[in-house]
Protein backbone atom coordinates (compact mmCIF):
# COMPACT_ATOMS: atom_id res chain seq x y z
CA UNK A 1 27.03 -49.23 -111.99
CA UNK A 2 27.85 -52.74 -113.43
CA UNK A 3 25.41 -55.13 -114.32
CA UNK A 4 24.04 -57.25 -111.74
CA UNK A 5 22.53 -60.87 -112.51
CA UNK A 6 19.10 -61.44 -112.28
CA UNK A 7 17.60 -64.33 -110.27
CA UNK A 8 13.80 -64.03 -109.93
CA UNK A 9 13.61 -66.87 -107.52
CA UNK A 10 15.41 -69.80 -106.09
CA UNK A 11 15.53 -73.41 -107.06
CA UNK A 12 14.44 -74.71 -110.05
CA UNK A 13 12.30 -71.71 -111.11
CA UNK A 14 15.28 -69.13 -110.88
CA UNK A 15 17.51 -71.95 -112.60
CA UNK A 16 15.29 -72.18 -115.52
CA UNK A 17 15.18 -68.28 -115.78
CA UNK A 18 19.02 -68.23 -115.51
CA UNK A 19 19.43 -70.70 -118.33
CA UNK A 20 17.02 -69.27 -120.58
CA UNK A 21 18.41 -65.64 -120.00
CA UNK A 22 22.10 -66.53 -119.56
CA UNK A 23 23.68 -65.58 -123.06
CA UNK A 24 21.84 -61.96 -122.65
CA UNK A 25 22.97 -61.57 -118.94
CA UNK A 26 26.49 -62.64 -119.44
CA UNK A 27 26.96 -60.22 -122.30
CA UNK A 28 25.78 -57.58 -120.50
CA UNK A 29 27.88 -58.17 -117.50
CA UNK A 30 31.06 -58.69 -119.61
CA UNK A 31 30.51 -55.16 -120.87
CA UNK A 32 30.91 -53.65 -117.68
CA UNK A 33 33.97 -50.89 -117.45
CA UNK A 34 35.86 -52.36 -114.70
CA UNK A 35 35.69 -55.89 -116.11
CA UNK A 36 37.04 -54.44 -119.02
CA UNK A 37 39.67 -52.43 -117.54
CA UNK A 38 40.98 -55.67 -115.49
CA UNK A 39 40.95 -57.51 -118.43
CA UNK A 40 42.46 -55.31 -120.77
CA UNK A 41 45.36 -54.68 -118.48
CA UNK A 42 45.79 -58.43 -117.89
CA UNK A 43 46.12 -58.78 -121.74
CA UNK A 44 48.46 -55.77 -122.18
CA UNK A 45 50.89 -56.89 -119.33
CA UNK A 46 50.89 -60.47 -118.87
CA UNK A 47 53.57 -60.71 -121.82
CA UNK A 48 55.96 -58.93 -119.14
CA UNK A 49 55.98 -61.76 -116.74
CA UNK A 50 58.58 -64.09 -117.31
CA UNK A 51 58.48 -65.63 -114.08
CA UNK A 52 55.89 -66.82 -111.22
CA UNK A 53 57.77 -64.05 -109.15
CA UNK A 54 56.81 -61.13 -111.68
CA UNK A 55 53.33 -62.44 -112.01
CA UNK A 56 52.53 -62.44 -108.33
CA UNK A 57 54.25 -59.04 -107.49
CA UNK A 58 51.77 -57.62 -109.92
CA UNK A 59 48.55 -57.50 -108.19
CA UNK A 60 46.34 -56.47 -111.02
CA UNK A 61 47.54 -59.35 -112.90
CA UNK A 62 47.65 -61.84 -109.98
CA UNK A 63 43.87 -60.70 -109.43
CA UNK A 64 42.98 -61.93 -112.94
CA UNK A 65 44.76 -64.92 -112.79
CA UNK A 66 43.43 -66.20 -109.38
CA UNK A 67 40.19 -65.09 -110.50
CA UNK A 68 40.18 -67.17 -113.65
CA UNK A 69 40.39 -70.34 -111.58
CA UNK A 70 37.95 -69.39 -108.43
CA UNK A 71 41.05 -68.47 -106.45
CA UNK A 72 40.40 -64.94 -105.70
CA UNK A 73 40.66 -65.49 -101.71
CA UNK A 74 44.37 -66.29 -102.12
CA UNK A 75 45.15 -62.95 -103.52
CA UNK A 76 47.12 -61.97 -100.36
CA UNK A 77 48.87 -65.15 -100.21
CA UNK A 78 51.54 -64.20 -102.95
CA UNK A 79 54.32 -66.72 -101.66
CA UNK A 80 52.18 -69.59 -101.32
CA UNK A 81 50.86 -68.88 -105.12
CA UNK A 82 54.40 -68.37 -106.08
CA UNK A 83 55.36 -71.66 -104.79
CA UNK A 84 52.53 -73.52 -106.38
CA UNK A 85 53.52 -71.80 -109.96
CA UNK A 86 57.09 -72.51 -109.48
CA UNK A 87 56.67 -75.93 -108.56
CA UNK A 88 54.59 -76.67 -111.68
CA UNK A 89 52.73 -80.09 -111.69
CA UNK A 90 55.22 -82.53 -113.33
CA UNK A 91 56.74 -83.79 -109.87
CA UNK A 92 54.37 -85.85 -107.52
CA UNK A 93 55.89 -83.69 -104.61
CA UNK A 94 54.98 -80.80 -106.34
CA UNK A 95 52.79 -78.47 -103.87
CA UNK A 96 49.99 -78.45 -105.97
CA UNK A 97 49.59 -82.05 -106.35
CA UNK A 98 49.76 -82.24 -102.92
CA UNK A 99 46.76 -80.22 -102.14
CA UNK A 100 43.31 -81.38 -102.25
CA UNK A 101 41.78 -78.66 -104.38
CA UNK A 102 42.59 -79.39 -107.95
CA UNK A 103 42.17 -75.66 -109.10
CA UNK A 104 45.93 -74.95 -107.90
CA UNK A 105 46.85 -77.67 -110.48
CA UNK A 106 44.53 -75.92 -113.32
CA UNK A 107 46.41 -72.55 -112.22
CA UNK A 108 50.01 -73.86 -112.24
CA UNK A 109 49.41 -75.98 -115.69
CA UNK A 110 47.71 -72.61 -117.22
CA UNK A 111 51.11 -70.50 -116.68
CA UNK A 112 53.68 -72.90 -117.31
CA UNK A 113 56.37 -71.57 -114.76
CA UNK A 114 57.25 -75.13 -113.68
CA UNK A 115 60.75 -76.96 -113.95
CA UNK A 116 61.59 -77.53 -117.39
CA UNK A 117 58.42 -75.63 -118.69
CA UNK A 118 57.94 -72.88 -121.23
CA UNK A 119 56.24 -70.03 -119.55
CA UNK A 120 52.70 -69.67 -121.64
CA UNK A 121 52.44 -65.66 -120.69
CA UNK A 122 53.87 -64.95 -124.38
CA UNK A 123 51.20 -67.25 -125.78
CA UNK A 124 48.42 -65.01 -126.89
CA UNK A 125 45.82 -67.71 -127.06
CA UNK A 126 46.43 -69.35 -124.01
CA UNK A 127 46.17 -65.67 -122.12
CA UNK A 128 43.02 -65.07 -123.84
CA UNK A 129 41.68 -68.17 -122.53
CA UNK A 130 42.53 -66.88 -119.05
CA UNK A 131 40.59 -63.55 -119.81
CA UNK A 132 37.64 -65.37 -120.92
CA UNK A 133 37.55 -67.89 -118.00
CA UNK A 134 37.77 -64.61 -115.69
CA UNK A 135 35.21 -62.91 -117.24
CA UNK A 136 32.96 -66.21 -116.68
CA UNK A 137 34.38 -67.10 -113.17
CA UNK A 138 33.52 -63.08 -112.47
CA UNK A 139 29.84 -63.56 -113.62
CA UNK A 140 29.45 -66.97 -112.00
CA UNK A 141 30.67 -65.27 -108.72
CA UNK A 142 28.19 -62.35 -109.18
CA UNK A 143 25.45 -64.92 -109.38
CA UNK A 144 26.84 -66.64 -106.38
CA UNK A 145 26.33 -63.36 -104.27
CA UNK A 146 22.65 -63.85 -104.70
CA UNK A 147 22.28 -67.44 -104.64
CA UNK A 148 25.31 -69.93 -104.12
CA UNK A 149 23.32 -72.85 -105.58
CA UNK A 150 23.06 -71.02 -108.64
CA UNK A 151 26.87 -70.66 -109.05
CA UNK A 152 27.65 -73.98 -108.46
CA UNK A 153 25.35 -75.30 -110.95
CA UNK A 154 26.56 -73.14 -113.48
CA UNK A 155 30.29 -74.33 -112.27
CA UNK A 156 29.18 -77.66 -113.12
CA UNK A 157 27.52 -77.11 -116.55
CA UNK A 158 31.02 -75.64 -117.67
CA UNK A 159 33.35 -78.16 -115.92
CA UNK A 160 31.54 -81.44 -115.72
CA UNK A 161 31.32 -82.09 -119.46
CA UNK A 162 34.67 -81.37 -119.88
CA UNK A 163 35.89 -83.95 -117.20
CA UNK A 164 33.24 -86.15 -118.57
CA UNK A 165 35.03 -86.23 -122.26
CA UNK A 166 38.49 -86.53 -120.58
CA UNK A 167 40.36 -89.54 -121.47
CA UNK A 168 41.36 -90.31 -117.94
CA UNK A 169 40.09 -93.57 -115.98
CA UNK A 170 36.78 -93.40 -114.32
CA UNK A 171 38.27 -93.74 -110.98
CA UNK A 172 40.57 -90.57 -111.87
CA UNK A 173 37.54 -88.44 -112.85
CA UNK A 174 35.69 -89.39 -109.66
CA UNK A 175 38.95 -88.37 -107.67
CA UNK A 176 38.82 -85.19 -109.65
CA UNK A 177 35.22 -84.29 -108.90
CA UNK A 178 36.32 -84.95 -104.89
CA UNK A 179 39.17 -82.63 -105.50
CA UNK A 180 37.03 -79.67 -107.09
CA UNK A 181 34.93 -77.84 -104.01
CA UNK A 182 32.23 -76.85 -106.31
CA UNK A 183 31.55 -80.28 -107.98
CA UNK A 184 32.26 -82.23 -104.53
CA UNK A 185 29.48 -79.95 -102.91
CA UNK A 186 26.95 -80.44 -105.66
CA UNK A 187 27.30 -84.33 -105.84
CA UNK A 188 27.25 -84.38 -101.92
CA UNK A 189 24.01 -82.53 -102.01
CA UNK A 190 22.59 -84.09 -104.94
CA UNK A 191 23.32 -87.48 -103.47
CA UNK A 192 21.92 -86.72 -100.09
CA UNK A 193 25.25 -87.01 -98.53
CA UNK A 194 26.20 -85.32 -94.99
CA UNK A 195 28.84 -82.60 -94.61
CA UNK A 196 30.83 -84.83 -92.67
CA UNK A 197 31.05 -87.35 -95.66
CA UNK A 198 34.39 -85.93 -96.81
CA UNK A 199 36.13 -87.44 -93.82
CA UNK A 200 35.93 -91.10 -94.36
CA UNK A 201 38.27 -93.05 -96.20
CA UNK A 202 39.03 -91.85 -99.84
CA UNK A 203 38.50 -95.13 -101.43
CA UNK A 204 35.19 -95.44 -99.63
CA UNK A 205 34.19 -92.06 -100.76
CA UNK A 206 34.57 -93.40 -104.22
CA UNK A 207 32.48 -96.58 -103.78
CA UNK A 208 29.41 -94.22 -102.41
CA UNK A 209 29.78 -91.97 -105.22
CA UNK A 210 29.68 -94.38 -107.74
CA UNK A 211 26.85 -96.44 -106.18
CA UNK A 212 24.64 -93.71 -105.41
CA UNK A 213 25.43 -91.89 -108.59
CA UNK A 214 23.95 -95.42 -110.32
CA UNK A 215 20.98 -95.36 -108.08
CA UNK A 216 19.86 -91.82 -108.58
CA UNK A 217 21.13 -90.67 -111.89
CA UNK A 218 21.42 -93.91 -113.97
CA UNK A 219 25.37 -94.91 -114.18
CA UNK A 220 28.17 -95.12 -111.70
CA UNK A 221 30.30 -93.24 -114.34
CA UNK A 222 31.35 -89.41 -114.67
CA UNK A 223 31.37 -90.22 -118.32
CA UNK A 224 27.66 -89.99 -118.21
CA UNK A 225 27.58 -86.37 -117.88
CA UNK A 226 28.52 -86.13 -121.73
CA UNK A 227 24.93 -86.71 -121.85
CA UNK A 228 22.96 -83.51 -121.16
CA UNK A 229 19.98 -85.14 -119.68
CA UNK A 230 22.15 -86.69 -117.03
CA UNK A 231 23.87 -83.22 -116.41
CA UNK A 232 20.24 -81.85 -116.07
CA UNK A 233 19.25 -84.61 -113.81
CA UNK A 234 21.97 -83.93 -111.34
CA UNK A 235 21.28 -80.44 -111.50
CA UNK A 236 17.80 -80.81 -110.88
CA UNK A 237 18.56 -83.09 -107.70
CA UNK A 238 21.22 -80.46 -106.54
CA UNK A 239 18.72 -77.77 -106.74
CA UNK A 240 15.82 -79.38 -105.12
CA UNK A 241 17.75 -80.70 -102.37
CA UNK A 242 19.35 -77.39 -101.69
CA UNK A 243 15.87 -75.84 -101.78
CA UNK A 244 14.65 -78.35 -99.15
CA UNK A 245 17.61 -78.01 -97.10
CA UNK A 246 17.09 -74.19 -97.11
CA UNK A 247 13.51 -74.49 -96.24
CA UNK A 248 14.06 -76.59 -93.22
CA UNK A 249 16.70 -74.67 -91.84
CA UNK A 250 14.64 -71.65 -92.05
CA UNK A 251 11.41 -73.41 -90.50
CA UNK A 252 13.76 -74.56 -88.03
CA UNK A 253 15.15 -71.02 -87.35
CA UNK A 254 11.54 -69.87 -87.18
CA UNK A 255 10.60 -72.41 -84.58
CA UNK A 256 13.56 -71.33 -82.27
CA UNK A 257 12.65 -67.45 -82.52
CA UNK A 258 9.08 -68.30 -81.70
CA UNK A 259 9.95 -70.36 -78.85
CA UNK A 260 12.32 -67.69 -77.61
CA UNK A 261 9.47 -65.05 -78.09
CA UNK A 262 6.84 -67.19 -76.10
CA UNK A 263 9.53 -67.60 -73.27
CA UNK A 264 10.22 -64.14 -73.14
CA UNK A 265 6.41 -63.48 -72.58
CA UNK A 266 6.80 -65.23 -69.25
């Protein structure tokens, strides 16, 4: 039986425990025989995939490739993924560039099957990074099966720092936040935005994210998250608001059930 992450509580208490024990828990998780088999197979066989079609036609390879970017739900969408890979990201009309979810661009860039590109499947260093990312994503997914807020918080710890250090403009960084579903979910929750927020004009969304980030966290920029204290403040806000929302939902659900029981008595 594989190791299952231990999260003894919800909210900030559970998060603090997960932070303290992360290294030990991840090491135990990464030693699972099934995970070893999947990643060993990928490392051994990925060099034989010279085209996007060869990659997507091998379900085991595709499983690791997609899992590394949190896209495992697309495992059966082979032709869609093949198009993503073959288009690359160099052309503005490429399919990955026309999708709202930036993880597809990350996937396409990672394998280099686009027009004029050299496939990276023979680059051992690049493929080793895919394996490491797959292990990390698999651990986060396992955490998410118990508490999805913890999965999102782990994702942010890993991805937001990298994005903050990127040399792109601040607006481009915010648009990247909006285009990565886990980060968007974290910011919307932490900043108290409604679920319908994503339906308004994209430029207006940018303004709101900047304004609320400034007032709630300390600066209107994504670059502020190069500072661990700013990232921790965001995470604390996210977990606290998530816990409050969960509590309110349970109270509401409990009240509804109690009302129904009382009605049934009559």
